[in-house]
PDB file of N, CA and C in Angstrom:
ATOM      1  N   MET A   1      40.036 157.381  17.042  1.00  0.00           N
ATOM      2  CA  MET A   1      41.438 157.451  17.310  1.00  0.00           C
ATOM      3  C   MET A   1      41.782 156.357  18.320  1.00  0.00           C
ATOM      4  N   ILE A   2      42.863 155.647  18.076  1.00  0.00           N
ATOM      5  CA  ILE A   2      43.322 154.630  19.009  1.00  0.00           C
ATOM      6  C   ILE A   2      44.083 155.327  20.138  1.00  0.00           C
ATOM      7  N   VAL A   3      43.616 155.098  21.375  1.00  0.00           N
ATOM      8  CA  VAL A   3      44.210 155.730  22.544  1.00  0.00           C
ATOM      9  C   VAL A   3      44.764 154.636  23.447  1.00  0.00           C
ATOM     10  N   GLN A   4      45.953 154.856  23.965  1.00  0.00           N
ATOM     11  CA  GLN A   4      46.572 153.925  24.910  1.00  0.00           C
ATOM     12  C   GLN A   4      46.634 154.564  26.285  1.00  0.00           C
ATOM     13  N   ARG A   5      46.332 153.753  27.303  1.00  0.00           N
ATOM     14  CA  ARG A   5      46.441 154.197  28.684  1.00  0.00           C
ATOM     15  C   ARG A   5      46.924 153.007  29.523  1.00  0.00           C
ATOM     16  N   ARG A   6      47.686 153.296  30.559  1.00  0.00           N
ATOM     17  CA  ARG A   6      48.120 152.261  31.494  1.00  0.00           C
ATOM     18  C   ARG A   6      47.065 152.122  32.585  1.00  0.00           C
ATOM     19  N   SER A   7      46.612 150.906  32.803  1.00  0.00           N
ATOM     20  CA  SER A   7      45.580 150.625  33.788  1.00  0.00           C
ATOM     21  C   SER A   7      46.104 150.843  35.203  1.00  0.00           C
ATOM     22  N   ILE A   8      45.319 151.547  36.019  1.00  0.00           N
ATOM     23  CA  ILE A   8      45.690 151.732  37.413  1.00  0.00           C
ATOM     24  C   ILE A   8      45.437 150.457  38.233  1.00  0.00           C
ATOM     25  N   ILE A   9      44.715 149.501  37.658  1.00  0.00           N
ATOM     26  CA  ILE A   9      44.443 148.244  38.351  1.00  0.00           C
ATOM     27  C   ILE A   9      45.545 147.230  38.073  1.00  0.00           C
ATOM     28  N   SER A  10      45.819 146.978  36.800  1.00  0.00           N
ATOM     29  CA  SER A  10      46.755 145.911  36.431  1.00  0.00           C
ATOM     30  C   SER A  10      48.148 146.400  36.052  1.00  0.00           C
ATOM     31  N   GLY A  11      48.254 147.668  35.695  1.00  0.00           N
ATOM     32  CA  GLY A  11      49.535 148.179  35.210  1.00  0.00           C
ATOM     33  C   GLY A  11      49.779 147.898  33.732  1.00  0.00           C
ATOM     34  N   GLU A  12      48.872 147.167  33.120  1.00  0.00           N
ATOM     35  CA  GLU A  12      48.981 146.848  31.695  1.00  0.00           C
ATOM     36  C   GLU A  12      48.615 148.064  30.845  1.00  0.00           C
ATOM     37  N   VAL A  13      49.221 148.146  29.662  1.00  0.00           N
ATOM     38  CA  VAL A  13      48.850 149.187  28.712  1.00  0.00           C
ATOM     39  C   VAL A  13      47.682 148.667  27.890  1.00  0.00           C
ATOM     40  N   ASN A  14      46.563 149.367  27.966  1.00  0.00           N
ATOM     41  CA  ASN A  14      45.356 149.004  27.234  1.00  0.00           C
ATOM     42  C   ASN A  14      45.113 149.998  26.106  1.00  0.00           C
ATOM     43  N   THR A  15      44.408 149.561  25.083  1.00  0.00           N
ATOM     44  CA  THR A  15      44.048 150.442  23.978  1.00  0.00           C
ATOM     45  C   THR A  15      42.541 150.418  23.783  1.00  0.00           C
ATOM     46  N   MET A  16      42.023 151.552  23.304  1.00  0.00           N
ATOM     47  CA  MET A  16      40.604 151.658  23.003  1.00  0.00           C
ATOM     48  C   MET A  16      40.445 152.638  21.852  1.00  0.00           C
ATOM     49  N   ASN A  17      39.528 152.325  20.956  1.00  0.00           N
ATOM     50  CA  ASN A  17      39.208 153.227  19.856  1.00  0.00           C
ATOM     51  C   ASN A  17      38.186 154.232  20.369  1.00  0.00           C
ATOM     52  N   ILE A  18      38.613 155.492  20.496  1.00  0.00           N
ATOM     53  CA  ILE A  18      37.787 156.556  21.071  1.00  0.00           C
ATOM     54  C   ILE A  18      37.468 157.579  19.987  1.00  0.00           C
ATOM     55  N   ASP A  19      36.216 158.000  19.920  1.00  0.00           N
ATOM     56  CA  ASP A  19      35.794 159.037  18.973  1.00  0.00           C
ATOM     57  C   ASP A  19      36.157 160.401  19.548  1.00  0.00           C
ATOM     58  N   CYS A  20      37.404 160.822  19.277  1.00  0.00           N
ATOM     59  CA  CYS A  20      37.886 162.092  19.810  1.00  0.00           C
ATOM     60  C   CYS A  20      38.972 162.652  18.898  1.00  0.00           C
ATOM     61  N   THR A  21      39.382 163.873  19.226  1.00  0.00           N
ATOM     62  CA  THR A  21      40.445 164.510  18.460  1.00  0.00           C
ATOM     63  C   THR A  21      41.683 164.672  19.342  1.00  0.00           C
ATOM     64  N   GLU A  22      42.799 164.927  18.707  1.00  0.00           N
ATOM     65  CA  GLU A  22      44.043 165.198  19.429  1.00  0.00           C
ATOM     66  C   GLU A  22      43.877 166.438  20.314  1.00  0.00           C
ATOM     67  N   GLU A  23      43.149 167.422  19.801  1.00  0.00           N
ATOM     68  CA  GLU A  23      42.898 168.642  20.576  1.00  0.00           C
ATOM     69  C   GLU A  23      42.153 168.320  21.877  1.00  0.00           C
ATOM     70  N   GLN A  24      41.142 167.465  21.792  1.00  0.00           N
ATOM     71  CA  GLN A  24      40.394 167.090  22.996  1.00  0.00           C
ATOM     72  C   GLN A  24      41.308 166.380  24.004  1.00  0.00           C
ATOM     73  N   LEU A  25      42.126 165.472  23.513  1.00  0.00           N
ATOM     74  CA  LEU A  25      43.047 164.769  24.409  1.00  0.00           C
ATOM     75  C   LEU A  25      43.999 165.745  25.090  1.00  0.00           C
ATOM     76  N   ASN A  26      44.486 166.717  24.350  1.00  0.00           N
ATOM     77  CA  ASN A  26      45.384 167.722  24.923  1.00  0.00           C
ATOM     78  C   ASN A  26      44.674 168.579  25.965  1.00  0.00           C
ATOM     79  N   ARG A  27      43.421 168.950  25.696  1.00  0.00           N
ATOM     80  CA  ARG A  27      42.652 169.739  26.664  1.00  0.00           C
ATOM     81  C   ARG A  27      42.498 168.974  27.975  1.00  0.00           C
ATOM     82  N   HIS A  28      42.186 167.683  27.860  1.00  0.00           N
ATOM     83  CA  HIS A  28      42.037 166.856  29.059  1.00  0.00           C
ATOM     84  C   HIS A  28      43.384 166.730  29.780  1.00  0.00           C
ATOM     85  N   LYS A  29      44.438 166.520  29.033  1.00  0.00           N
ATOM     86  CA  LYS A  29      45.782 166.406  29.612  1.00  0.00           C
ATOM     87  C   LYS A  29      46.165 167.675  30.376  1.00  0.00           C
ATOM     88  N   MET A  30      45.689 168.815  29.905  1.00  0.00           N
ATOM     89  CA  MET A  30      45.999 170.099  30.547  1.00  0.00           C
ATOM     90  C   MET A  30      45.090 170.393  31.741  1.00  0.00           C
ATOM     91  N   GLY A  31      44.165 169.467  32.055  1.00  0.00           N
ATOM     92  CA  GLY A  31      43.387 169.601  33.280  1.00  0.00           C
ATOM     93  C   GLY A  31      41.900 169.817  33.137  1.00  0.00           C
ATOM     94  N   GLU A  32      41.402 169.937  31.904  1.00  0.00           N
ATOM     95  CA  GLU A  32      39.948 170.096  31.753  1.00  0.00           C
ATOM     96  C   GLU A  32      39.257 168.793  32.127  1.00  0.00           C
ATOM     97  N   LEU A  33      38.077 168.908  32.706  1.00  0.00           N
ATOM     98  CA  LEU A  33      37.329 167.733  33.143  1.00  0.00           C
ATOM     99  C   LEU A  33      36.897 166.872  31.962  1.00  0.00           C
ATOM    100  N   VAL A  34      37.007 165.568  32.150  1.00  0.00           N
ATOM    101  CA  VAL A  34      36.701 164.619  31.080  1.00  0.00           C
ATOM    102  C   VAL A  34      35.265 164.789  30.574  1.00  0.00           C
ATOM    103  N   GLN A  35      34.315 165.060  31.466  1.00  0.00           N
ATOM    104  CA  GLN A  35      32.920 165.200  31.043  1.00  0.00           C
ATOM    105  C   GLN A  35      32.689 166.475  30.243  1.00  0.00           C
ATOM    106  N   ASP A  36      33.538 167.480  30.454  1.00  0.00           N
ATOM    107  CA  ASP A  36      33.415 168.723  29.689  1.00  0.00           C
ATOM    108  C   ASP A  36      34.056 168.601  28.308  1.00  0.00           C
ATOM    109  N   VAL A  37      35.166 167.894  28.242  1.00  0.00           N
ATOM    110  CA  VAL A  37      35.908 167.760  26.985  1.00  0.00           C
ATOM    111  C   VAL A  37      35.276 166.715  26.071  1.00  0.00           C
ATOM    112  N   PHE A  38      34.709 165.657  26.660  1.00  0.00           N
ATOM    113  CA  PHE A  38      34.182 164.529  25.878  1.00  0.00           C
ATOM    114  C   PHE A  38      32.714 164.238  26.215  1.00  0.00           C
ATOM    115  N   PRO A  39      31.805 165.183  25.984  1.00  0.00           N
ATOM    116  CA  PRO A  39      30.408 164.953  26.355  1.00  0.00           C
ATOM    117  C   PRO A  39      29.745 163.837  25.548  1.00  0.00           C
ATOM    118  N   ASN A  40      30.327 163.492  24.406  1.00  0.00           N
ATOM    119  CA  ASN A  40      29.752 162.475  23.522  1.00  0.00           C
ATOM    120  C   ASN A  40      30.151 161.053  23.897  1.00  0.00           C
ATOM    121  N   LEU A  41      31.102 160.884  24.808  1.00  0.00           N
ATOM    122  CA  LEU A  41      31.600 159.552  25.132  1.00  0.00           C
ATOM    123  C   LEU A  41      30.772 158.885  26.212  1.00  0.00           C
ATOM    124  N   SER A  42      30.825 157.555  26.229  1.00  0.00           N
ATOM    125  CA  SER A  42      30.138 156.777  27.259  1.00  0.00           C
ATOM    126  C   SER A  42      30.911 156.871  28.581  1.00  0.00           C
ATOM    127  N   VAL A  43      30.266 156.451  29.641  1.00  0.00           N
ATOM    128  CA  VAL A  43      30.905 156.423  30.955  1.00  0.00           C
ATOM    129  C   VAL A  43      32.144 155.532  30.913  1.00  0.00           C
ATOM    130  N   GLU A  44      32.042 154.397  30.233  1.00  0.00           N
ATOM    131  CA  GLU A  44      33.155 153.465  30.142  1.00  0.00           C
ATOM    132  C   GLU A  44      34.340 154.068  29.391  1.00  0.00           C
ATOM    133  N   GLU A  45      34.057 154.797  28.319  1.00  0.00           N
ATOM    134  CA  GLU A  45      35.137 155.434  27.561  1.00  0.00           C
ATOM    135  C   GLU A  45      35.807 156.535  28.380  1.00  0.00           C
ATOM    136  N   ARG A  46      35.019 157.288  29.102  1.00  0.00           N
ATOM    137  CA  ARG A  46      35.585 158.337  29.963  1.00  0.00           C
ATOM    138  C   ARG A  46      36.439 157.725  31.065  1.00  0.00           C
ATOM    139  N   GLU A  47      35.953 156.649  31.668  1.00  0.00           N
ATOM    140  CA  GLU A  47      36.728 155.973  32.714  1.00  0.00           C
ATOM    141  C   GLU A  47      38.063 155.481  32.152  1.00  0.00           C
ATOM    142  N   PHE A  48      38.044 154.949  30.945  1.00  0.00           N
ATOM    143  CA  PHE A  48      39.276 154.498  30.316  1.00  0.00           C
ATOM    144  C   PHE A  48      40.260 155.656  30.170  1.00  0.00           C
ATOM    145  N   LEU A  49      39.779 156.811  29.738  1.00  0.00           N
ATOM    146  CA  LEU A  49      40.664 157.964  29.572  1.00  0.00           C
ATOM    147  C   LEU A  49      41.253 158.416  30.907  1.00  0.00           C
ATOM    148  N   ILE A  50      40.504 158.301  31.973  1.00  0.00           N
ATOM    149  CA  ILE A  50      40.962 158.720  33.293  1.00  0.00           C
ATOM    150  C   ILE A  50      41.927 157.697  33.896  1.00  0.00           C
ATOM    151  N   SER A  51      41.554 156.427  33.845  1.00  0.00           N
ATOM    152  CA  SER A  51      42.266 155.409  34.619  1.00  0.00           C
ATOM    153  C   SER A  51      42.957 154.323  33.804  1.00  0.00           C
ATOM    154  N   GLY A  52      42.641 154.238  32.511  1.00  0.00           N
ATOM    155  CA  GLY A  52      43.214 153.174  31.690  1.00  0.00           C
ATOM    156  C   GLY A  52      42.534 151.830  31.870  1.00  0.00           C
ATOM    157  N   VAL A  53      41.469 151.802  32.654  1.00  0.00           N
ATOM    158  CA  VAL A  53      40.755 150.557  32.936  1.00  0.00           C
ATOM    159  C   VAL A  53      39.691 150.326  31.869  1.00  0.00           C
ATOM    160  N   THR A  54      39.714 149.146  31.254  1.00  0.00           N
ATOM    161  CA  THR A  54      38.712 148.787  30.251  1.00  0.00           C
ATOM    162  C   THR A  54      37.459 148.260  30.953  1.00  0.00           C
ATOM    163  N   PRO A  55      36.328 148.258  30.265  1.00  0.00           N
ATOM    164  CA  PRO A  55      35.112 147.690  30.870  1.00  0.00           C
ATOM    165  C   PRO A  55      35.290 146.233  31.290  1.00  0.00           C
ATOM    166  N   GLU A  56      36.027 145.465  30.501  1.00  0.00           N
ATOM    167  CA  GLU A  56      36.248 144.056  30.822  1.00  0.00           C
ATOM    168  C   GLU A  56      37.082 143.905  32.093  1.00  0.00           C
ATOM    169  N   GLU A  57      38.111 144.734  32.214  1.00  0.00           N
ATOM    170  CA  GLU A  57      38.967 144.689  33.400  1.00  0.00           C
ATOM    171  C   GLU A  57      38.180 145.127  34.638  1.00  0.00           C
ATOM    172  N   TRP A  58      37.346 146.149  34.484  1.00  0.00           N
ATOM    173  CA  TRP A  58      36.512 146.629  35.589  1.00  0.00           C
ATOM    174  C   TRP A  58      35.593 145.510  36.082  1.00  0.00           C
ATOM    175  N   ASP A  59      34.899 144.841  35.130  1.00  0.00           N
ATOM    176  CA  ASP A  59      33.978 143.761  35.490  1.00  0.00           C
ATOM    177  C   ASP A  59      34.704 142.615  36.184  1.00  0.00           C
ATOM    178  N   ALA A  60      35.870 142.232  35.658  1.00  0.00           N
ATOM    179  CA  ALA A  60      36.631 141.129  36.250  1.00  0.00           C
ATOM    180  C   ALA A  60      37.116 141.481  37.655  1.00  0.00           C
ATOM    181  N   THR A  61      37.495 142.704  37.865  1.00  0.00           N
ATOM    182  CA  THR A  61      38.018 143.136  39.154  1.00  0.00           C
ATOM    183  C   THR A  61      36.926 143.222  40.209  1.00  0.00           C
ATOM    184  N   PHE A  62      35.759 143.702  39.814  1.00  0.00           N
ATOM    185  CA  PHE A  62      34.707 143.972  40.786  1.00  0.00           C
ATOM    186  C   PHE A  62      33.514 143.029  40.682  1.00  0.00           C
ATOM    187  N   GLU A  63      33.682 141.866  40.049  1.00  0.00           N
ATOM    188  CA  GLU A  63      32.548 140.964  39.872  1.00  0.00           C
ATOM    189  C   GLU A  63      32.015 140.428  41.199  1.00  0.00           C
ATOM    190  N   ASP A  64      32.845 140.292  42.212  1.00  0.00           N
ATOM    191  CA  ASP A  64      32.374 139.794  43.505  1.00  0.00           C
ATOM    192  C   ASP A  64      31.558 140.835  44.269  1.00  0.00           C
ATOM    193  N   SER A  65      31.682 142.100  43.894  1.00  0.00           N
ATOM    194  CA  SER A  65      30.953 143.144  44.627  1.00  0.00           C
ATOM    195  C   SER A  65      29.626 143.513  43.980  1.00  0.00           C
ATOM    196  N   LYS A  66      29.232 142.786  42.929  1.00  0.00           N
ATOM    197  CA  LYS A  66      27.940 143.042  42.290  1.00  0.00           C
ATOM    198  C   LYS A  66      26.821 142.532  43.181  1.00  0.00           C
ATOM    199  N   LEU A  67      25.741 143.272  43.188  1.00  0.00           N
ATOM    200  CA  LEU A  67      24.581 142.865  43.992  1.00  0.00           C
ATOM    201  C   LEU A  67      23.744 141.873  43.245  1.00  0.00           C
TER     202      LEU A  67
END
């Protein structure tokens, strides 16, 4: 399913193809924890659902803080 979220970093609307159902999205929207609703998703996909930040945006933002 194509999911859109606004990034908390850039304010841009990002999209990601997430393996989920509308029911799961609604459960998360109603307050269930992302790790409980989407145990099959990667950390990056879960972060996108929470914050709207894509892996590419995360890397670009925090590349100077890598060890």
